[in-house]
Structure formats: C-alpha cells, structure tokens
Amino acid sequence: MVKQTGEDTASAPSSTDAQTAQQSSAPSPQQGTSAQPQKDGQNAQPKIPGNRGDRVHYDKNGNALQNPNAPPPDYGQQPKRIMGWIPNYRAVSVGAKPPPPSFKEKFMIGTQNTFDYSAFIFNAVDTEIPYVTKSYPEFGNGWVGYGVYYWHGFVDKGIGNYMTDTIVPTLTRQDSRYYALGTGHWYVRALYAYTRVLITPNDAGKNTFNYSEIVGKGAAAGLGDLYYPARYRDWTKTGQRWLVQVAIRDGGFDVFREFWPDIAKHVLHLSPRNQ
C-alpha cells in the first residue's frame, strides 16, 4: 500500500472548496442587466372598471371606451344664456364643483343680472301688469305713467340683485348660485329647485339657510319704501313686494332653469350650442 504524502494531501482540493469555486464562477442572474428598478407605471396595464356606472371603460388593448349606460357629456349642462338671450349666470351645471366665488365674481353676477340687455326687456313685460291694473294710481297714465312704473320696477330688481348676489352673500360668506340637480323624479327635482330660495351652500360647500335670498330680497323691499308713495310703505305692501321677488320670480325661475336642459333636448330638440 502506498501512503499518500502530506504534499499530495495539501494539493488536492476538498469537495467543499470545489463547490465554493463552482458557485463563485457561475454567472449571476442579474449579470449584464441594469440594476435600476423600472419606473412606476411603466408597462402597466390599464385598470378596467367594473359595471358600476363608470363613465370610462377600456377594451383589451387599453383603448378608452365610452360607457353606453353613462350620461352623455352634455347632460344637465346649464348655459350662460337660455335660448341664447335669457341670462342664466347664477346656474351651475350638474356635477360641477366650482371654487367658491370671490367678491368680484359675486359683484359681476349682480351686475350682469341687472344691466344685461334682456333685463330691460323683462322689466318692460313686468311693468305691463301693474300699469294695466293701476296698482299705483299716483304714478299716472300714458307714457309718463308707464315710465314711472318702469323705473320703479327696474330699481326694485336692481337692488334685489345686488343684495341677493353680492352684498348679503359677501357678508354671510354664502354662494348664491343655483346648483342643478339633474336626476331623480320630476317632482323631486321641482321641489329641490323651488326650495333653493331657502337653502344654499356657503363658501365652504355646506348647505345653510339662504340668508342671501331671504334677507337680501327683504332688504330690497324695505329700501323700496324710500321711493314708493307714502301709503304703500306699510308692512302689507312691503311684504307683497318681498313675496313676489322670492316666491314667484326667483323660486319659479329656479324650477325653470332646472328643467331647461330637458326641455331643450327632448321638447325643442336643440343642440347644446343652441340652448
């Protein structure tokens, strides 16, 4: 038997050393590739919404599709002018969430509603009723009497607009604009629209009692006592002017503007541009 010398023993690699050498010489899985991670969103597949009424859906290639069950983009849109000439500056379209109006914006709404050319036309129509019924005999007859009726009505509306759209909303930090509902049964929408004379959002977006409307129109009716004949300055006559402004003109017009997009589309068949 030949004995293995110590020199031969030292030169022979052990099994453990061989495995270590083999592992160190094996190429790393990441060798030759960039170690930087991919940016978020790179090669990400688009998320496909479920059937929850989402407006945007995607096909298998990631192309956006219009949900056929979703309302059209022009649904419930409130035009700045109804039929191209009736001012509608206080209206906010369905689903819109504009920032709270600044004092300048509130002042502009009051100015537009007062001095828009259509305001002179509407005031001429409104003047016919008190003129024909001789609500104020002291104003006289003929063109002179009609002119007296006319300027009284114009001043009433102007003071009411600035009080309701500018002065009181600024003091109370309220938003006097009308936010269209646009959905639900017709009677729900009508009730909602009419009660906006009592409820309005503040500048923080929370619904509050509509001081802008109630106090603003009340102040305007009270200021009317300064230029109406003495015998029409009692509580009854002042209250009548206040009630007409709030319940008939503003409340009634809110109902009209709520349903105007439906009337324009389904009854008059107008395009959004012509509403």
Protein backbone atom coordinates (compact mmCIF):
# COMPACT_ATOMS: atom_id res chain seq x y z
CA MET A 1 0.00 0.00 0.00
CA VAL A 2 1.36 3.31 -0.99
CA LYS A 3 0.97 6.05 1.55
CA GLN A 4 -0.16 9.48 0.42
CA THR A 5 2.36 12.09 1.28
CA GLY A 6 1.47 15.32 3.06
CA GLU A 7 2.38 17.28 -0.03
CA ASP A 8 -0.12 15.36 -2.13
CA THR A 9 -2.80 15.78 0.53
CA ALA A 10 -2.41 19.56 0.65
CA SER A 11 -2.60 19.93 -3.14
CA ALA A 12 -5.87 18.00 -3.58
CA PRO A 13 -8.90 20.24 -3.31
CA SER A 14 -11.64 19.20 -0.94
CA SER A 15 -15.28 18.76 -2.10
CA THR A 16 -16.35 21.85 -0.15
CA ASP A 17 -13.72 24.01 -1.84
CA ALA A 18 -14.80 22.73 -5.24
CA GLN A 19 -18.41 23.64 -4.66
CA THR A 20 -17.46 27.13 -3.47
CA ALA A 21 -15.32 27.71 -6.54
CA GLN A 22 -18.08 26.50 -8.83
CA GLN A 23 -20.61 28.86 -7.26
CA SER A 24 -18.27 31.85 -7.49
CA SER A 25 -17.57 31.18 -11.17
CA ALA A 26 -21.29 30.78 -12.10
CA PRO A 27 -22.74 33.88 -13.78
CA SER A 28 -25.14 35.98 -11.70
CA PRO A 29 -28.78 36.03 -12.91
CA GLN A 30 -28.63 39.84 -12.92
CA GLN A 31 -25.23 39.98 -14.65
CA GLY A 32 -25.39 42.03 -17.82
CA THR A 33 -28.72 43.65 -16.94
CA SER A 34 -29.46 47.03 -15.45
CA ALA A 35 -29.85 47.01 -11.70
CA GLN A 36 -32.10 50.06 -11.74
CA PRO A 37 -35.75 49.22 -11.00
CA GLN A 38 -38.40 50.12 -13.54
CA LYS A 39 -40.29 53.29 -13.01
CA ASP A 40 -43.78 53.03 -11.58
CA GLY A 41 -46.39 52.85 -14.25
CA GLN A 42 -44.02 51.57 -16.94
CA ASN A 43 -45.62 48.81 -18.98
CA ALA A 44 -48.54 48.88 -16.54
CA GLN A 45 -51.80 47.51 -17.84
CA PRO A 46 -54.82 49.83 -17.67
CA LYS A 47 -57.28 49.11 -14.92
CA ILE A 48 -60.64 48.01 -16.24
CA PRO A 49 -63.54 49.33 -14.18
CA GLY A 50 -66.41 47.01 -13.34
CA ASN A 51 -70.06 47.55 -14.10
CA ARG A 52 -70.56 50.32 -11.58
CA GLY A 53 -71.75 53.03 -13.95
CA ASP A 54 -68.21 54.31 -14.51
CA ARG A 55 -68.03 56.65 -17.48
CA VAL A 56 -64.74 55.33 -18.89
CA HIS A 57 -64.16 51.66 -19.83
CA TYR A 58 -61.27 50.04 -21.69
CA ASP A 59 -61.03 47.33 -24.31
CA LYS A 60 -58.44 44.53 -24.25
CA ASN A 61 -55.88 46.79 -25.94
CA GLY A 62 -56.21 49.50 -23.33
CA ASN A 63 -58.22 51.90 -25.50
CA ALA A 64 -60.74 54.02 -23.63
CA LEU A 65 -64.37 53.33 -24.46
CA GLN A 66 -67.49 55.35 -23.67
CA ASN A 67 -69.81 53.58 -21.26
CA PRO A 68 -73.17 53.35 -23.07
CA ASN A 69 -75.01 53.42 -19.73
CA ALA A 70 -73.36 56.63 -18.56
CA PRO A 71 -74.98 60.03 -19.13
CA PRO A 72 -73.71 61.96 -22.17
CA PRO A 73 -71.05 64.61 -21.55
CA ASP A 74 -73.53 67.45 -22.11
CA TYR A 75 -76.07 66.03 -19.65
CA GLY A 76 -77.54 68.69 -17.34
CA GLN A 77 -75.36 71.47 -18.73
CA GLN A 78 -76.59 74.92 -17.77
CA PRO A 79 -75.93 77.51 -20.50
CA LYS A 80 -74.95 81.06 -19.63
CA ARG A 81 -77.95 82.19 -21.67
CA ILE A 82 -81.13 80.19 -22.11
CA MET A 83 -82.24 80.19 -25.75
CA GLY A 84 -79.31 82.48 -26.45
CA TRP A 85 -80.62 85.57 -24.67
CA ILE A 86 -82.15 84.88 -21.22
CA PRO A 87 -79.37 85.36 -18.61
CA ASN A 88 -78.54 82.29 -16.55
CA TYR A 89 -75.31 83.38 -14.88
CA ARG A 90 -76.22 82.03 -11.44
CA ALA A 91 -76.62 78.42 -12.62
CA VAL A 92 -74.05 75.64 -12.08
CA SER A 93 -74.23 72.51 -14.25
CA VAL A 94 -74.94 69.04 -12.90
CA GLY A 95 -71.89 67.51 -11.22
CA ALA A 96 -69.77 70.68 -11.44
CA LYS A 97 -67.90 71.77 -8.32
CA PRO A 98 -66.54 75.25 -8.96
CA PRO A 99 -64.44 77.06 -6.34
CA PRO A 100 -66.27 79.49 -4.04
CA PRO A 101 -66.98 82.77 -5.82
CA SER A 102 -64.81 85.75 -4.97
CA PHE A 103 -66.27 89.18 -4.23
CA LYS A 104 -65.52 90.20 -7.80
CA GLU A 105 -67.45 87.23 -9.14
CA LYS A 106 -70.39 87.94 -6.84
CA PHE A 107 -70.36 91.57 -7.95
CA MET A 108 -70.27 90.55 -11.61
CA ILE A 109 -73.27 88.22 -11.18
CA GLY A 110 -75.30 91.05 -9.66
CA THR A 111 -74.22 93.44 -12.41
CA GLN A 112 -74.94 91.01 -15.24
CA ASN A 113 -78.40 90.19 -13.91
CA THR A 114 -79.22 93.89 -13.53
CA PHE A 115 -77.80 95.52 -16.65
CA ASP A 116 -77.97 92.73 -19.20
CA TYR A 117 -79.97 93.85 -22.24
CA SER A 118 -82.57 91.17 -21.52
CA ALA A 119 -83.22 92.73 -18.09
CA PHE A 120 -84.66 95.81 -19.80
CA ILE A 121 -86.94 93.61 -21.92
CA PHE A 122 -88.20 91.58 -18.97
CA ASN A 123 -88.81 94.71 -16.95
CA ALA A 124 -90.93 96.12 -19.78
CA VAL A 125 -93.06 92.97 -19.70
CA ASP A 126 -93.32 93.01 -15.90
CA THR A 127 -94.38 96.66 -15.97
CA GLU A 128 -97.47 95.86 -18.04
CA ILE A 129 -99.31 94.12 -15.19
CA PRO A 130 -99.14 96.89 -12.55
CA TYR A 131 -99.64 99.54 -15.24
CA VAL A 132 -102.80 97.95 -16.68
CA THR A 133 -104.25 97.15 -13.25
CA LYS A 134 -103.36 100.64 -11.92
CA SER A 135 -101.64 99.22 -8.90
CA TYR A 136 -100.26 102.68 -8.07
CA PRO A 137 -102.69 105.36 -9.35
CA GLU A 138 -100.27 108.07 -8.21
CA PHE A 139 -97.90 107.07 -10.99
CA GLY A 140 -100.29 108.43 -13.61
CA ASN A 141 -101.31 107.29 -17.10
CA GLY A 142 -99.93 107.37 -20.62
CA TRP A 143 -96.27 107.13 -21.48
CA VAL A 144 -95.27 109.23 -18.49
CA GLY A 145 -97.13 106.95 -16.11
CA TYR A 146 -95.71 103.87 -17.81
CA GLY A 147 -92.21 105.31 -17.43
CA VAL A 148 -92.76 105.81 -13.69
CA TYR A 149 -93.90 102.19 -13.35
CA TYR A 150 -90.93 101.08 -15.41
CA TRP A 151 -88.21 102.76 -13.38
CA HIS A 152 -89.75 101.61 -10.10
CA GLY A 153 -89.66 98.02 -11.31
CA PHE A 154 -86.12 98.38 -12.65
CA VAL A 155 -84.81 99.80 -9.37
CA ASP A 156 -86.62 97.07 -7.42
CA LYS A 157 -84.91 94.34 -9.44
CA GLY A 158 -81.52 96.05 -9.41
CA ILE A 159 -81.42 96.49 -5.64
CA GLY A 160 -82.69 92.92 -5.21
CA ASN A 161 -79.97 91.53 -7.49
CA TYR A 162 -77.11 93.30 -5.74
CA MET A 163 -78.46 92.44 -2.31
CA THR A 164 -79.02 88.78 -3.18
CA ASP A 165 -76.00 88.14 -5.41
CA THR A 166 -73.34 90.45 -3.98
CA ILE A 167 -73.81 92.24 -0.66
CA VAL A 168 -75.51 89.68 1.60
CA PRO A 169 -73.55 86.68 0.16
CA THR A 170 -70.32 88.54 0.86
CA LEU A 171 -71.31 89.33 4.45
CA THR A 172 -72.59 85.81 5.17
CA ARG A 173 -69.96 84.03 3.04
CA GLN A 174 -72.60 82.24 1.03
CA ASP A 175 -72.74 81.04 -2.56
CA SER A 176 -75.96 82.31 -4.12
CA ARG A 177 -75.56 80.31 -7.34
CA TYR A 178 -78.07 77.63 -8.29
CA TYR A 179 -76.62 74.10 -8.37
CA ALA A 180 -78.71 71.99 -10.74
CA LEU A 181 -79.78 68.54 -9.51
CA GLY A 182 -80.49 66.94 -12.89
CA THR A 183 -81.50 63.46 -11.64
CA GLY A 184 -84.49 61.86 -9.95
CA HIS A 185 -88.24 62.06 -10.43
CA TRP A 186 -89.58 65.31 -11.79
CA TYR A 187 -91.38 66.19 -8.55
CA VAL A 188 -88.19 65.64 -6.54
CA ARG A 189 -86.28 67.94 -8.85
CA ALA A 190 -89.07 70.53 -8.81
CA LEU A 191 -89.20 70.52 -5.01
CA TYR A 192 -85.41 70.74 -4.83
CA ALA A 193 -85.32 73.67 -7.25
CA TYR A 194 -88.07 75.62 -5.51
CA THR A 195 -86.57 75.16 -2.04
CA ARG A 196 -83.25 76.66 -3.13
CA VAL A 197 -84.71 80.03 -2.11
CA LEU A 198 -84.43 78.64 1.44
CA ILE A 199 -81.24 76.55 1.16
CA THR A 200 -77.92 77.48 -0.40
CA PRO A 201 -74.30 76.38 0.13
CA ASN A 202 -71.85 78.57 1.95
CA ASP A 203 -68.37 79.26 0.62
CA ALA A 204 -67.19 76.02 2.28
CA GLY A 205 -69.75 73.99 0.30
CA LYS A 206 -72.10 73.15 3.20
CA ASN A 207 -75.83 73.76 2.86
CA THR A 208 -77.12 76.60 5.04
CA PHE A 209 -80.23 78.72 5.39
CA ASN A 210 -80.37 81.06 2.40
CA TYR A 211 -79.87 84.42 4.11
CA SER A 212 -78.72 85.80 0.78
CA GLU A 213 -82.17 85.30 -0.75
CA ILE A 214 -84.49 85.89 2.19
CA VAL A 215 -82.63 88.77 3.84
CA GLY A 216 -81.40 90.21 0.54
CA LYS A 217 -84.85 90.42 -1.04
CA GLY A 218 -86.32 91.63 2.26
CA ALA A 219 -83.80 94.45 2.43
CA ALA A 220 -84.56 95.37 -1.17
CA ALA A 221 -88.29 95.51 -0.44
CA GLY A 222 -87.60 97.66 2.62
CA LEU A 223 -85.45 100.08 0.65
CA GLY A 224 -88.33 100.39 -1.80
CA ASP A 225 -90.22 102.33 0.85
CA LEU A 226 -87.86 105.22 0.13
CA TYR A 227 -89.25 105.81 -3.36
CA TYR A 228 -92.80 104.41 -3.28
CA PRO A 229 -95.77 106.65 -2.31
CA ALA A 230 -96.32 107.04 1.42
CA ARG A 231 -99.48 104.98 1.60
CA TYR A 232 -97.65 101.95 0.14
CA ARG A 233 -94.97 101.84 2.80
CA ASP A 234 -96.80 99.64 5.29
CA TRP A 235 -95.93 96.07 6.16
CA THR A 236 -98.52 94.63 3.78
CA LYS A 237 -97.26 96.37 0.64
CA THR A 238 -93.62 95.83 1.56
CA GLY A 239 -94.28 92.17 2.26
CA GLN A 240 -96.05 91.77 -1.08
CA ARG A 241 -93.04 93.10 -2.96
CA TRP A 242 -90.76 90.76 -0.99
CA LEU A 243 -93.02 87.74 -1.61
CA VAL A 244 -93.26 88.39 -5.34
CA GLN A 245 -89.47 88.59 -5.66
CA VAL A 246 -88.77 85.42 -3.63
CA ALA A 247 -91.65 83.03 -4.26
CA ILE A 248 -92.64 83.88 -7.81
CA ARG A 249 -89.65 85.28 -9.65
CA ASP A 250 -86.67 83.56 -8.04
CA GLY A 251 -88.36 80.31 -6.95
CA GLY A 252 -90.21 79.94 -10.25
CA PHE A 253 -87.14 80.66 -12.34
CA ASP A 254 -85.08 78.10 -10.39
CA VAL A 255 -87.61 75.44 -11.37
CA PHE A 256 -87.44 76.59 -14.99
CA ARG A 257 -83.64 76.52 -15.13
CA GLU A 258 -83.58 73.06 -13.51
CA PHE A 259 -85.69 71.57 -16.29
CA TRP A 260 -84.40 73.69 -19.14
CA PRO A 261 -81.78 71.14 -20.37
CA ASP A 262 -84.54 68.51 -20.58
CA ILE A 263 -86.92 70.90 -22.35
CA ALA A 264 -84.23 71.95 -24.82
CA LYS A 265 -83.22 68.38 -25.66
CA HIS A 266 -86.46 66.38 -25.57
CA VAL A 267 -89.09 69.00 -26.44
CA LEU A 268 -87.35 71.60 -28.60
CA HIS A 269 -84.62 69.22 -29.88
CA LEU A 270 -81.95 71.86 -29.57
CA SER A 271 -78.25 71.10 -29.69
CA PRO A 272 -76.18 72.11 -26.64
CA ARG A 273 -74.74 75.04 -28.61
CA ASN A 274 -78.20 76.45 -29.30
CA GLN A 275 -79.59 76.16 -25.79
